[in-house]
Structures are given as structure tokens and as C-alpha cells.
PDB file of N, CA and C in Angstrom:
ATOM      1  N   UNK A   1     -44.531  -4.036   3.798  1.00  0.00           N
ATOM      2  CA  UNK A   1     -43.758  -4.259   5.126  1.00  0.00           C
ATOM      3  C   UNK A   1     -44.050  -3.339   6.075  1.00  0.00           C
ATOM      4  N   UNK A   2     -43.945  -3.692   7.363  1.00  0.00           N
ATOM      5  CA  UNK A   2     -44.077  -2.824   8.703  1.00  0.00           C
ATOM      6  C   UNK A   2     -43.283  -2.906   9.520  1.00  0.00           C
ATOM      7  N   UNK A   3     -42.647  -1.873  10.025  1.00  0.00           N
ATOM      8  CA  UNK A   3     -41.480  -2.097  11.133  1.00  0.00           C
ATOM      9  C   UNK A   3     -42.157  -2.165  12.351  1.00  0.00           C
ATOM     10  N   UNK A   4     -41.834  -3.233  13.069  1.00  0.00           N
ATOM     11  CA  UNK A   4     -42.449  -3.664  14.530  1.00  0.00           C
ATOM     12  C   UNK A   4     -41.779  -2.870  15.636  1.00  0.00           C
ATOM     13  N   UNK A   5     -40.421  -2.927  15.478  1.00  0.00           N
ATOM     14  CA  UNK A   5     -39.790  -2.206  16.515  1.00  0.00           C
ATOM     15  C   UNK A   5     -38.351  -2.050  16.102  1.00  0.00           C
ATOM     16  N   UNK A   6     -37.223  -1.590  16.834  1.00  0.00           N
ATOM     17  CA  UNK A   6     -36.103  -1.644  16.398  1.00  0.00           C
ATOM     18  C   UNK A   6     -34.826  -1.149  17.697  1.00  0.00           C
ATOM     19  N   UNK A   7     -33.870  -1.607  17.525  1.00  0.00           N
ATOM     20  CA  UNK A   7     -32.683  -0.780  18.307  1.00  0.00           C
ATOM     21  C   UNK A   7     -31.624  -0.014  17.483  1.00  0.00           C
ATOM     22  N   UNK A   8     -31.308   0.984  18.279  1.00  0.00           N
ATOM     23  CA  UNK A   8     -30.433   1.848  17.476  1.00  0.00           C
ATOM     24  C   UNK A   8     -29.328   2.378  18.322  1.00  0.00           C
ATOM     25  N   UNK A   9     -28.053   2.565  17.434  1.00  0.00           N
ATOM     26  CA  UNK A   9     -26.958   3.046  18.335  1.00  0.00           C
ATOM     27  C   UNK A   9     -26.111   3.983  17.447  1.00  0.00           C
ATOM     28  N   UNK A  10     -25.221   4.786  17.939  1.00  0.00           N
ATOM     29  CA  UNK A  10     -24.471   5.714  17.336  1.00  0.00           C
ATOM     30  C   UNK A  10     -23.091   4.833  17.253  1.00  0.00           C
ATOM     31  N   UNK A  11     -22.524   4.833  16.145  1.00  0.00           N
ATOM     32  CA  UNK A  11     -21.277   4.218  15.943  1.00  0.00           C
ATOM     33  C   UNK A  11     -20.240   5.070  16.282  1.00  0.00           C
ATOM     34  N   UNK A  12     -19.193   4.905  16.973  1.00  0.00           N
ATOM     35  CA  UNK A  12     -17.974   5.669  17.133  1.00  0.00           C
ATOM     36  C   UNK A  12     -16.958   5.195  16.244  1.00  0.00           C
ATOM     37  N   UNK A  13     -16.330   6.225  15.612  1.00  0.00           N
ATOM     38  CA  UNK A  13     -15.311   6.238  14.717  1.00  0.00           C
ATOM     39  C   UNK A  13     -14.134   6.797  15.502  1.00  0.00           C
ATOM     40  N   UNK A  14     -13.484   5.861  15.996  1.00  0.00           N
ATOM     41  CA  UNK A  14     -11.980   6.513  16.664  1.00  0.00           C
ATOM     42  C   UNK A  14     -10.933   6.762  15.682  1.00  0.00           C
ATOM     43  N   UNK A  15     -11.122   6.606  14.307  1.00  0.00           N
ATOM     44  CA  UNK A  15      -9.910   7.012  13.480  1.00  0.00           C
ATOM     45  C   UNK A  15     -10.228   8.341  12.884  1.00  0.00           C
ATOM     46  N   UNK A  16     -11.420   8.901  12.963  1.00  0.00           N
ATOM     47  CA  UNK A  16     -11.900   9.998  12.403  1.00  0.00           C
ATOM     48  C   UNK A  16     -11.918  10.199  11.076  1.00  0.00           C
ATOM     49  N   UNK A  17     -11.880   8.994  10.124  1.00  0.00           N
ATOM     50  CA  UNK A  17     -11.664   8.912   8.865  1.00  0.00           C
ATOM     51  C   UNK A  17     -13.422   9.166   8.246  1.00  0.00           C
ATOM     52  N   UNK A  18     -14.276   8.654   8.671  1.00  0.00           N
ATOM     53  CA  UNK A  18     -15.601   8.880   8.110  1.00  0.00           C
ATOM     54  C   UNK A  18     -16.274  10.130   8.357  1.00  0.00           C
ATOM     55  N   UNK A  19     -16.765  10.643   7.402  1.00  0.00           N
ATOM     56  CA  UNK A  19     -17.313  12.029   7.528  1.00  0.00           C
ATOM     57  C   UNK A  19     -18.760  11.952   8.027  1.00  0.00           C
ATOM     58  N   UNK A  20     -19.012  12.809   8.825  1.00  0.00           N
ATOM     59  CA  UNK A  20     -20.347  12.290   9.411  1.00  0.00           C
ATOM     60  C   UNK A  20     -20.684  11.460  10.337  1.00  0.00           C
ATOM     61  N   UNK A  21     -21.907  11.102  10.691  1.00  0.00           N
ATOM     62  CA  UNK A  21     -21.913  10.012  11.863  1.00  0.00           C
ATOM     63  C   UNK A  21     -22.675   8.858  11.150  1.00  0.00           C
ATOM     64  N   UNK A  22     -22.433   7.677  11.669  1.00  0.00           N
ATOM     65  CA  UNK A  22     -22.986   6.579  11.601  1.00  0.00           C
ATOM     66  C   UNK A  22     -23.590   5.842  12.633  1.00  0.00           C
ATOM     67  N   UNK A  23     -25.100   5.480  12.132  1.00  0.00           N
ATOM     68  CA  UNK A  23     -25.894   4.890  13.407  1.00  0.00           C
ATOM     69  C   UNK A  23     -25.979   3.300  12.653  1.00  0.00           C
ATOM     70  N   UNK A  24     -25.915   2.461  13.733  1.00  0.00           N
ATOM     71  CA  UNK A  24     -26.511   1.049  13.303  1.00  0.00           C
ATOM     72  C   UNK A  24     -27.742   0.716  13.726  1.00  0.00           C
ATOM     73  N   UNK A  25     -28.691   0.194  13.032  1.00  0.00           N
ATOM     74  CA  UNK A  25     -30.117  -0.329  13.239  1.00  0.00           C
ATOM     75  C   UNK A  25     -30.287  -1.686  13.141  1.00  0.00           C
ATOM     76  N   UNK A  26     -31.048  -2.192  13.914  1.00  0.00           N
ATOM     77  CA  UNK A  26     -31.541  -3.516  14.031  1.00  0.00           C
ATOM     78  C   UNK A  26     -33.141  -3.411  13.926  1.00  0.00           C
ATOM     79  N   UNK A  27     -33.718  -3.859  12.708  1.00  0.00           N
ATOM     80  CA  UNK A  27     -35.143  -3.654  12.575  1.00  0.00           C
ATOM     81  C   UNK A  27     -35.661  -4.838  12.746  1.00  0.00           C
ATOM     82  N   UNK A  28     -36.938  -4.850  13.501  1.00  0.00           N
ATOM     83  CA  UNK A  28     -37.827  -6.077  13.295  1.00  0.00           C
ATOM     84  C   UNK A  28     -38.955  -5.752  12.315  1.00  0.00           C
ATOM     85  N   UNK A  29     -39.074  -6.444  11.160  1.00  0.00           N
ATOM     86  CA  UNK A  29     -40.132  -5.956  10.303  1.00  0.00           C
ATOM     87  C   UNK A  29     -40.933  -7.197  10.122  1.00  0.00           C
ATOM     88  N   UNK A  30     -42.207  -6.931   9.565  1.00  0.00           N
ATOM     89  CA  UNK A  30     -43.132  -7.806   9.311  1.00  0.00           C
ATOM     90  C   UNK A  30     -43.590  -7.809   7.968  1.00  0.00           C
ATOM     91  N   UNK A  31     -43.678  -8.690   6.973  1.00  0.00           N
ATOM     92  CA  UNK A  31     -44.275  -8.647   5.807  1.00  0.00           C
ATOM     93  C   UNK A  31     -45.381  -9.815   5.721  1.00  0.00           C
ATOM     94  N   UNK A  32     -46.406  -9.505   4.748  1.00  0.00           N
ATOM     95  CA  UNK A  32     -47.547 -10.395   4.490  1.00  0.00           C
ATOM     96  C   UNK A  32     -46.872 -11.703   4.005  1.00  0.00           C
ATOM     97  N   UNK A  33     -47.812 -12.828   4.173  1.00  0.00           N
ATOM     98  CA  UNK A  33     -47.386 -14.019   3.839  1.00  0.00           C
ATOM     99  C   UNK A  33     -47.078 -14.360   2.350  1.00  0.00           C
ATOM    100  N   UNK A  34     -47.793 -13.424   1.483  1.00  0.00           N
ATOM    101  CA  UNK A  34     -47.800 -13.415   0.037  1.00  0.00           C
ATOM    102  C   UNK A  34     -46.330 -12.848  -0.333  1.00  0.00           C
ATOM    103  N   UNK A  35     -45.918 -12.285   0.482  1.00  0.00           N
ATOM    104  CA  UNK A  35     -44.753 -11.250  -0.015  1.00  0.00           C
ATOM    105  C   UNK A  35     -43.595 -12.116  -0.129  1.00  0.00           C
ATOM    106  N   UNK A  36     -42.618 -11.922  -1.193  1.00  0.00           N
ATOM    107  CA  UNK A  36     -41.653 -12.758  -1.558  1.00  0.00           C
ATOM    108  C   UNK A  36     -40.303 -12.648  -0.228  1.00  0.00           C
ATOM    109  N   UNK A  37     -40.557 -11.790   0.530  1.00  0.00           N
ATOM    110  CA  UNK A  37     -39.563 -11.808   1.717  1.00  0.00           C
ATOM    111  C   UNK A  37     -40.012 -12.368   3.009  1.00  0.00           C
ATOM    112  N   UNK A  38     -41.283 -12.912   2.877  1.00  0.00           N
ATOM    113  CA  UNK A  38     -41.804 -13.490   4.062  1.00  0.00           C
ATOM    114  C   UNK A  38     -41.047 -14.746   4.645  1.00  0.00           C
ATOM    115  N   UNK A  39     -40.982 -14.893   5.701  1.00  0.00           N
ATOM    116  CA  UNK A  39     -40.121 -16.070   6.311  1.00  0.00           C
ATOM    117  C   UNK A  39     -40.967 -16.448   7.561  1.00  0.00           C
ATOM    118  N   UNK A  40     -41.335 -17.835   7.965  1.00  0.00           N
ATOM    119  CA  UNK A  40     -42.070 -18.170   9.253  1.00  0.00           C
ATOM    120  C   UNK A  40     -41.246 -17.918  10.444  1.00  0.00           C
ATOM    121  N   UNK A  41     -39.760 -17.962  10.140  1.00  0.00           N
ATOM    122  CA  UNK A  41     -39.073 -17.444  11.414  1.00  0.00           C
ATOM    123  C   UNK A  41     -38.785 -16.118  11.708  1.00  0.00           C
ATOM    124  N   UNK A  42     -39.576 -15.153  11.005  1.00  0.00           N
ATOM    125  CA  UNK A  42     -39.230 -13.842  11.317  1.00  0.00           C
ATOM    126  C   UNK A  42     -38.026 -13.017  10.531  1.00  0.00           C
ATOM    127  N   UNK A  43     -38.459 -12.008  10.395  1.00  0.00           N
ATOM    128  CA  UNK A  43     -37.388 -11.034   9.417  1.00  0.00           C
ATOM    129  C   UNK A  43     -37.002  -9.839   9.929  1.00  0.00           C
ATOM    130  N   UNK A  44     -35.742  -9.651   9.820  1.00  0.00           N
ATOM    131  CA  UNK A  44     -35.029  -8.295  10.257  1.00  0.00           C
ATOM    132  C   UNK A  44     -34.099  -7.837   9.223  1.00  0.00           C
ATOM    133  N   UNK A  45     -33.732  -6.581   9.646  1.00  0.00           N
ATOM    134  CA  UNK A  45     -32.985  -5.729   8.808  1.00  0.00           C
ATOM    135  C   UNK A  45     -31.770  -5.205   9.646  1.00  0.00           C
ATOM    136  N   UNK A  46     -30.580  -5.543   9.310  1.00  0.00           N
ATOM    137  CA  UNK A  46     -29.304  -4.918   9.989  1.00  0.00           C
ATOM    138  C   UNK A  46     -28.919  -3.752   8.980  1.00  0.00           C
ATOM    139  N   UNK A  47     -29.037  -2.476   9.554  1.00  0.00           N
ATOM    140  CA  UNK A  47     -28.920  -1.461   8.545  1.00  0.00           C
ATOM    141  C   UNK A  47     -27.834  -0.417   9.197  1.00  0.00           C
ATOM    142  N   UNK A  48     -26.877   0.443   8.339  1.00  0.00           N
ATOM    143  CA  UNK A  48     -25.972   1.369   8.782  1.00  0.00           C
ATOM    144  C   UNK A  48     -26.504   2.571   7.893  1.00  0.00           C
ATOM    145  N   UNK A  49     -26.758   3.606   8.715  1.00  0.00           N
ATOM    146  CA  UNK A  49     -27.415   5.041   8.291  1.00  0.00           C
ATOM    147  C   UNK A  49     -26.062   5.938   8.345  1.00  0.00           C
ATOM    148  N   UNK A  50     -25.919   6.532   7.086  1.00  0.00           N
ATOM    149  CA  UNK A  50     -24.755   7.525   7.295  1.00  0.00           C
ATOM    150  C   UNK A  50     -25.463   8.798   7.265  1.00  0.00           C
ATOM    151  N   UNK A  51     -25.192  10.013   8.301  1.00  0.00           N
ATOM    152  CA  UNK A  51     -25.535  10.984   8.102  1.00  0.00           C
ATOM    153  C   UNK A  51     -24.600  12.308   8.069  1.00  0.00           C
ATOM    154  N   UNK A  52     -24.487  13.306   7.304  1.00  0.00           N
ATOM    155  CA  UNK A  52     -23.605  14.105   7.154  1.00  0.00           C
ATOM    156  C   UNK A  52     -24.262  15.539   6.553  1.00  0.00           C
ATOM    157  N   UNK A  53     -23.340  16.407   6.498  1.00  0.00           N
ATOM    158  CA  UNK A  53     -23.635  17.871   5.826  1.00  0.00           C
ATOM    159  C   UNK A  53     -24.515  17.595   4.768  1.00  0.00           C
ATOM    160  N   UNK A  54     -24.223  16.576   3.986  1.00  0.00           N
ATOM    161  CA  UNK A  54     -25.022  16.566   2.514  1.00  0.00           C
ATOM    162  C   UNK A  54     -26.310  15.810   2.555  1.00  0.00           C
ATOM    163  N   UNK A  55     -26.784  15.264   3.881  1.00  0.00           N
ATOM    164  CA  UNK A  55     -27.850  14.529   4.064  1.00  0.00           C
ATOM    165  C   UNK A  55     -27.705  13.152   4.826  1.00  0.00           C
ATOM    166  N   UNK A  56     -28.614  12.343   4.274  1.00  0.00           N
ATOM    167  CA  UNK A  56     -28.477  11.002   4.891  1.00  0.00           C
ATOM    168  C   UNK A  56     -28.546   9.932   3.894  1.00  0.00           C
ATOM    169  N   UNK A  57     -27.900   8.781   4.097  1.00  0.00           N
ATOM    170  CA  UNK A  57     -28.122   7.541   3.265  1.00  0.00           C
ATOM    171  C   UNK A  57     -28.002   6.540   3.886  1.00  0.00           C
ATOM    172  N   UNK A  58     -28.423   5.245   3.263  1.00  0.00           N
ATOM    173  CA  UNK A  58     -28.235   3.868   3.820  1.00  0.00           C
ATOM    174  C   UNK A  58     -27.001   3.440   3.038  1.00  0.00           C
ATOM    175  N   UNK A  59     -25.763   3.281   4.059  1.00  0.00           N
ATOM    176  CA  UNK A  59     -24.641   2.927   3.739  1.00  0.00           C
ATOM    177  C   UNK A  59     -24.601   1.591   3.298  1.00  0.00           C
ATOM    178  N   UNK A  60     -25.349   0.704   4.051  1.00  0.00           N
ATOM    179  CA  UNK A  60     -25.439  -0.698   3.904  1.00  0.00           C
ATOM    180  C   UNK A  60     -26.652  -1.406   4.666  1.00  0.00           C
ATOM    181  N   UNK A  61     -27.177  -2.279   4.005  1.00  0.00           N
ATOM    182  CA  UNK A  61     -28.107  -3.360   4.805  1.00  0.00           C
ATOM    183  C   UNK A  61     -28.179  -4.654   4.331  1.00  0.00           C
ATOM    184  N   UNK A  62     -28.726  -5.359   5.435  1.00  0.00           N
ATOM    185  CA  UNK A  62     -28.711  -6.844   5.243  1.00  0.00           C
ATOM    186  C   UNK A  62     -30.070  -7.333   5.916  1.00  0.00           C
ATOM    187  N   UNK A  63     -30.726  -8.407   4.880  1.00  0.00           N
ATOM    188  CA  UNK A  63     -31.982  -8.730   5.676  1.00  0.00           C
ATOM    189  C   UNK A  63     -31.748 -10.211   6.195  1.00  0.00           C
ATOM    190  N   UNK A  64     -32.059 -10.573   7.019  1.00  0.00           N
ATOM    191  CA  UNK A  64     -31.877 -12.101   7.683  1.00  0.00           C
ATOM    192  C   UNK A  64     -32.966 -12.430   8.174  1.00  0.00           C
ATOM    193  N   UNK A  65     -32.851 -13.861   8.334  1.00  0.00           N
ATOM    194  CA  UNK A  65     -34.038 -14.537   9.238  1.00  0.00           C
ATOM    195  C   UNK A  65     -33.797 -14.591  10.702  1.00  0.00           C
ATOM    196  N   UNK A  66     -34.639 -14.006  11.611  1.00  0.00           N
ATOM    197  CA  UNK A  66     -34.260 -13.848  12.964  1.00  0.00           C
ATOM    198  C   UNK A  66     -34.142 -14.947  13.781  1.00  0.00           C
ATOM    199  N   UNK A  67     -34.722 -16.088  13.421  1.00  0.00           N
ATOM    200  CA  UNK A  67     -34.579 -17.208  14.416  1.00  0.00           C
ATOM    201  C   UNK A  67     -33.200 -18.001  14.126  1.00  0.00           C
ATOM    202  N   UNK A  68     -32.937 -18.052  12.851  1.00  0.00           N
ATOM    203  CA  UNK A  68     -31.638 -18.823  12.381  1.00  0.00           C
ATOM    204  C   UNK A  68     -30.523 -17.789  12.157  1.00  0.00           C
ATOM    205  N   UNK A  69     -30.753 -16.499  12.330  1.00  0.00           N
ATOM    206  CA  UNK A  69     -29.716 -15.433  11.782  1.00  0.00           C
ATOM    207  C   UNK A  69     -29.103 -15.846  10.425  1.00  0.00           C
ATOM    208  N   UNK A  70     -29.893 -16.453   9.370  1.00  0.00           N
ATOM    209  CA  UNK A  70     -29.389 -16.577   8.263  1.00  0.00           C
ATOM    210  C   UNK A  70     -29.612 -15.515   7.240  1.00  0.00           C
ATOM    211  N   UNK A  71     -28.627 -14.815   6.787  1.00  0.00           N
ATOM    212  CA  UNK A  71     -28.799 -13.642   5.927  1.00  0.00           C
ATOM    213  C   UNK A  71     -29.069 -14.083   4.363  1.00  0.00           C
ATOM    214  N   UNK A  72     -29.953 -13.201   3.777  1.00  0.00           N
ATOM    215  CA  UNK A  72     -30.515 -13.296   2.486  1.00  0.00           C
ATOM    216  C   UNK A  72     -29.611 -12.671   1.399  1.00  0.00           C
ATOM    217  N   UNK A  73     -29.611 -13.246   0.543  1.00  0.00           N
ATOM    218  CA  UNK A  73     -28.496 -12.554  -0.620  1.00  0.00           C
ATOM    219  C   UNK A  73     -29.488 -11.904  -1.821  1.00  0.00           C
ATOM    220  N   UNK A  74     -30.351 -10.967  -1.242  1.00  0.00           N
ATOM    221  CA  UNK A  74     -31.177 -10.067  -2.219  1.00  0.00           C
ATOM    222  C   UNK A  74     -31.506  -8.892  -1.602  1.00  0.00           C
ATOM    223  N   UNK A  75     -31.802  -7.913  -2.041  1.00  0.00           N
ATOM    224  CA  UNK A  75     -32.248  -6.515  -1.693  1.00  0.00           C
ATOM    225  C   UNK A  75     -33.588  -6.252  -1.599  1.00  0.00           C
ATOM    226  N   UNK A  76     -33.721  -4.835  -1.147  1.00  0.00           N
ATOM    227  CA  UNK A  76     -35.169  -4.561  -1.232  1.00  0.00           C
ATOM    228  C   UNK A  76     -35.406  -3.465  -2.192  1.00  0.00           C
ATOM    229  N   UNK A  77     -36.960  -3.442  -2.467  1.00  0.00           N
ATOM    230  CA  UNK A  77     -37.242  -2.275  -3.701  1.00  0.00           C
ATOM    231  C   UNK A  77     -36.847  -1.032  -3.089  1.00  0.00           C
ATOM    232  N   UNK A  78     -36.668  -0.120  -4.206  1.00  0.00           N
ATOM    233  CA  UNK A  78     -36.421   1.407  -3.893  1.00  0.00           C
ATOM    234  C   UNK A  78     -37.346   1.896  -2.791  1.00  0.00           C
ATOM    235  N   UNK A  79     -38.749   1.568  -3.176  1.00  0.00           N
ATOM    236  CA  UNK A  79     -39.635   2.344  -2.236  1.00  0.00           C
ATOM    237  C   UNK A  79     -39.505   1.796  -0.722  1.00  0.00           C
ATOM    238  N   UNK A  80     -39.086   0.455  -0.638  1.00  0.00           N
ATOM    239  CA  UNK A  80     -38.824  -0.204   0.635  1.00  0.00           C
ATOM    240  C   UNK A  80     -37.457   0.500   1.105  1.00  0.00           C
ATOM    241  N   UNK A  81     -36.696   0.806   0.371  1.00  0.00           N
ATOM    242  CA  UNK A  81     -35.343   1.229   0.865  1.00  0.00           C
ATOM    243  C   UNK A  81     -35.658   2.707   1.590  1.00  0.00           C
ATOM    244  N   UNK A  82     -36.288   3.225   0.828  1.00  0.00           N
ATOM    245  CA  UNK A  82     -36.872   4.701   1.309  1.00  0.00           C
ATOM    246  C   UNK A  82     -37.711   4.730   2.583  1.00  0.00           C
ATOM    247  N   UNK A  83     -38.598   4.044   2.652  1.00  0.00           N
ATOM    248  CA  UNK A  83     -39.317   3.795   3.797  1.00  0.00           C
ATOM    249  C   UNK A  83     -38.298   3.427   5.187  1.00  0.00           C
ATOM    250  N   UNK A  84     -37.351   2.724   4.898  1.00  0.00           N
ATOM    251  CA  UNK A  84     -36.485   2.320   6.025  1.00  0.00           C
ATOM    252  C   UNK A  84     -35.626   3.493   6.292  1.00  0.00           C
ATOM    253  N   UNK A  85     -35.118   4.269   5.358  1.00  0.00           N
ATOM    254  CA  UNK A  85     -34.287   5.362   5.701  1.00  0.00           C
ATOM    255  C   UNK A  85     -35.211   6.386   6.244  1.00  0.00           C
ATOM    256  N   UNK A  86     -36.346   6.652   5.865  1.00  0.00           N
ATOM    257  CA  UNK A  86     -37.064   7.675   6.351  1.00  0.00           C
ATOM    258  C   UNK A  86     -37.459   7.249   8.065  1.00  0.00           C
ATOM    259  N   UNK A  87     -37.813   6.024   8.527  1.00  0.00           N
ATOM    260  CA  UNK A  87     -38.164   5.719   9.699  1.00  0.00           C
ATOM    261  C   UNK A  87     -36.826   5.717  10.386  1.00  0.00           C
ATOM    262  N   UNK A  88     -35.548   5.258   9.912  1.00  0.00           N
ATOM    263  CA  UNK A  88     -34.496   5.474  10.740  1.00  0.00           C
ATOM    264  C   UNK A  88     -34.026   7.133  11.251  1.00  0.00           C
ATOM    265  N   UNK A  89     -34.338   7.896  10.189  1.00  0.00           N
ATOM    266  CA  UNK A  89     -34.105   9.350  10.231  1.00  0.00           C
ATOM    267  C   UNK A  89     -34.978   9.676  11.475  1.00  0.00           C
ATOM    268  N   UNK A  90     -36.342   9.226  11.524  1.00  0.00           N
ATOM    269  CA  UNK A  90     -37.242   9.513  12.465  1.00  0.00           C
ATOM    270  C   UNK A  90     -36.938   9.071  13.770  1.00  0.00           C
ATOM    271  N   UNK A  91     -35.964   8.124  14.046  1.00  0.00           N
ATOM    272  CA  UNK A  91     -35.703   7.518  15.145  1.00  0.00           C
ATOM    273  C   UNK A  91     -34.122   7.408  15.462  1.00  0.00           C
ATOM    274  N   UNK A  92     -33.633   8.803  15.201  1.00  0.00           N
ATOM    275  CA  UNK A  92     -31.909   8.778  15.523  1.00  0.00           C
ATOM    276  C   UNK A  92     -31.727   8.669  16.913  1.00  0.00           C
ATOM    277  N   UNK A  93     -30.848   7.895  17.238  1.00  0.00           N
ATOM    278  CA  UNK A  93     -30.525   7.713  18.683  1.00  0.00           C
ATOM    279  C   UNK A  93     -29.766   8.981  19.342  1.00  0.00           C
ATOM    280  N   UNK A  94     -29.829   9.301  20.654  1.00  0.00           N
ATOM    281  CA  UNK A  94     -29.314  10.337  21.268  1.00  0.00           C
ATOM    282  C   UNK A  94     -27.670  10.256  21.095  1.00  0.00           C
TER     283      UNK A  94
END
């Protein structure tokens, strides 16, 4: 899996209920044709990253087909989630 590009923004919590900050990422990813995640229509990940005094974590994510916006009902492997989290932490929006 390779992350080709992304968009990211800090989410506003007007209620102040959430602890820490939340960031929304839209990631454009590429996988080999042999990978079970492969789609000829392109693959994306919509991800919410939570960052607080205890560190960071992926609050949620969804895989989707880019051309059709069809969401997939399966998750990533632990090492793939770790890679996404590290990427997002390196690219925190201002």
C-alpha cells in the first residue's frame, strides 16, 4: 500500500465535549493488482485521527472506491493501520 496524496483538515468541536483534537483525512492510496484491496476504480480512505495528551489514535476509518464512492465493509491489517496513523501524524494540518 502506498499513499499517493491526501487532504486534511482540523475538525471543530463547538460543544467542547471531545478531549483533544480531531483531524479528518482523505487519503488516495494505491495497492498492487494482486492485493485483495485492489480496485480498478481507485481506492481511498476517509479517516478521523484523534490527538490528545495520551497520544494519537485512529478514531475511525472507511475504505471506499474513488470513482463510485462505494464503501467497503472490511478493515485493514494492523500494520496498514499503523502506517496510516504514522503518515497522518507526519502530515497534521495547521
